[in-house]
Amino acid sequence: MVEIAKIAVEFIVVFIIVYILFFIFSLKARKKYDRKNAPVNIKYLVIKYNLDVVRIGYKKLLNTLNFIDSIIVATLFTVTRFIDNTIIRLVVAFILVFPLFAGIYHLVATHYKKESE
């Protein structure tokens, strides 16, 4: 039970640190939506899922994606913390990162598609 609590606290700490870093680095992109200078994750959602960023709200979408990206990074860190070999840990994280991003971004896109309709 204590081990589960340690893992949960570690997840929360990593999540908070990553979220603060994402928030600080995205302050530059928070001004106004510009198709050419938008962050890559927003461009991905616009191209793949044909989201209307203006209708949804650029800052709202940016905040949601920062939150989701922080959860993904914290999850990857927590899942791979049991692997002692650094090279194997990096390979496992590299393998897991793409399905996580694709799956969670799909859920976010379908949520915002339903919300904007």
Protein backbone atom coordinates (compact mmCIF):
# COMPACT_ATOMS: atom_id res chain seq x y z
CA MET A 1 0.00 0.00 0.00
CA VAL A 2 2.85 2.34 0.80
CA GLU A 3 4.45 1.56 -2.55
CA ILE A 4 1.26 2.53 -4.40
CA ALA A 5 1.13 5.80 -2.48
CA LYS A 6 4.75 6.52 -3.42
CA ILE A 7 3.99 5.87 -7.09
CA ALA A 8 0.89 8.11 -6.94
CA VAL A 9 2.84 10.94 -5.29
CA GLU A 10 5.62 10.54 -7.86
CA PHE A 11 3.06 10.71 -10.68
CA ILE A 12 1.49 13.87 -9.23
CA VAL A 13 4.85 15.58 -8.71
CA VAL A 14 6.01 14.78 -12.24
CA PHE A 15 2.65 15.92 -13.62
CA ILE A 16 2.81 19.27 -11.79
CA ILE A 17 6.41 19.95 -12.83
CA VAL A 18 5.73 19.10 -16.48
CA TYR A 19 2.49 21.09 -16.53
CA ILE A 20 4.22 24.19 -15.14
CA LEU A 21 7.00 23.85 -17.73
CA PHE A 22 4.49 23.41 -20.57
CA PHE A 23 2.53 26.40 -19.30
CA ILE A 24 5.61 28.62 -19.15
CA PHE A 25 6.80 27.62 -22.61
CA SER A 26 3.35 28.04 -24.14
CA LEU A 27 2.92 31.60 -22.90
CA LYS A 28 4.52 32.81 -26.12
CA ALA A 29 1.93 30.92 -28.20
CA ARG A 30 -1.06 32.19 -26.19
CA LYS A 31 -1.48 35.50 -27.99
CA LYS A 32 -3.85 34.91 -30.87
CA TYR A 33 -4.51 32.01 -33.18
CA ASP A 34 -2.41 32.13 -36.32
CA ARG A 35 -2.49 29.16 -38.69
CA LYS A 36 1.13 29.49 -39.68
CA ASN A 37 2.58 29.96 -36.19
CA ALA A 38 0.33 27.57 -34.24
CA PRO A 39 1.92 24.84 -32.11
CA VAL A 40 2.41 21.46 -33.74
CA ASN A 41 -0.18 19.67 -31.62
CA ILE A 42 -2.88 22.15 -32.65
CA LYS A 43 -1.84 21.88 -36.30
CA TYR A 44 -2.11 18.10 -35.98
CA LEU A 45 -5.67 18.32 -34.66
CA VAL A 46 -6.68 20.82 -37.34
CA ILE A 47 -5.24 18.76 -40.19
CA LYS A 48 -6.22 15.27 -39.04
CA TYR A 49 -9.58 15.96 -37.40
CA ASN A 50 -10.57 19.20 -39.14
CA LEU A 51 -11.19 21.06 -35.88
CA ASP A 52 -12.33 24.66 -35.97
CA VAL A 53 -9.96 26.29 -33.49
CA VAL A 54 -11.69 29.66 -33.64
CA ARG A 55 -15.06 28.15 -32.74
CA ILE A 56 -13.61 26.04 -29.91
CA GLY A 57 -11.37 28.74 -28.53
CA TYR A 58 -7.63 28.82 -29.04
CA LYS A 59 -6.66 29.33 -25.40
CA LYS A 60 -9.09 26.66 -24.22
CA LEU A 61 -7.66 24.14 -26.67
CA LEU A 62 -4.10 25.11 -25.78
CA ASN A 63 -4.80 24.66 -22.06
CA THR A 64 -6.42 21.28 -22.68
CA LEU A 65 -3.50 20.07 -24.77
CA ASN A 66 -0.99 21.25 -22.16
CA PHE A 67 -2.91 19.30 -19.53
CA ILE A 68 -3.13 16.18 -21.72
CA ASP A 69 0.56 16.33 -22.69
CA SER A 70 1.50 16.59 -19.01
CA ILE A 71 -0.59 13.54 -18.20
CA ILE A 72 1.05 11.60 -21.04
CA VAL A 73 4.58 12.49 -19.94
CA ALA A 74 3.83 11.68 -16.29
CA THR A 75 2.26 8.36 -17.33
CA LEU A 76 5.27 7.43 -19.44
CA PHE A 77 7.61 8.30 -16.59
CA THR A 78 5.58 6.29 -14.09
CA VAL A 79 5.15 3.25 -16.33
CA THR A 80 8.82 3.06 -17.27
CA ARG A 81 10.21 3.74 -13.79
CA PHE A 82 10.34 0.01 -13.07
CA ILE A 83 12.85 -0.60 -15.88
CA ASP A 84 16.42 -0.29 -14.62
CA ASN A 85 18.27 -0.41 -17.93
CA THR A 86 18.29 3.08 -19.45
CA ILE A 87 18.38 1.95 -23.08
CA ILE A 88 15.48 -0.47 -22.64
CA ARG A 89 13.56 2.22 -20.73
CA LEU A 90 14.03 4.68 -23.59
CA VAL A 91 12.95 2.09 -26.16
CA VAL A 92 9.81 1.22 -24.18
CA ALA A 93 8.97 4.92 -23.72
CA PHE A 94 9.54 5.53 -27.43
CA ILE A 95 7.23 2.64 -28.31
CA LEU A 96 4.52 3.78 -25.89
CA VAL A 97 4.57 7.49 -26.69
CA PHE A 98 3.01 7.27 -30.15
CA PRO A 99 -0.05 5.14 -29.26
CA LEU A 100 -0.64 7.27 -26.17
CA PHE A 101 -0.53 10.52 -28.08
CA ALA A 102 -2.62 9.18 -30.95
CA GLY A 103 -5.27 7.65 -28.69
CA ILE A 104 -5.64 10.54 -26.30
CA TYR A 105 -5.54 13.17 -29.05
CA HIS A 106 -8.27 11.21 -30.83
CA LEU A 107 -10.42 11.36 -27.69
CA VAL A 108 -9.79 15.10 -27.32
CA ALA A 109 -10.60 15.73 -30.98
CA THR A 110 -13.85 13.76 -30.86
CA HIS A 111 -14.84 15.58 -27.67
CA TYR A 112 -14.29 18.97 -29.25
CA LYS A 113 -15.98 17.90 -32.49
CA LYS A 114 -19.12 16.99 -30.54
CA GLU A 115 -18.88 20.16 -28.49
CA SER A 116 -18.56 22.44 -31.51
CA GLU A 117 -21.56 20.86 -33.32
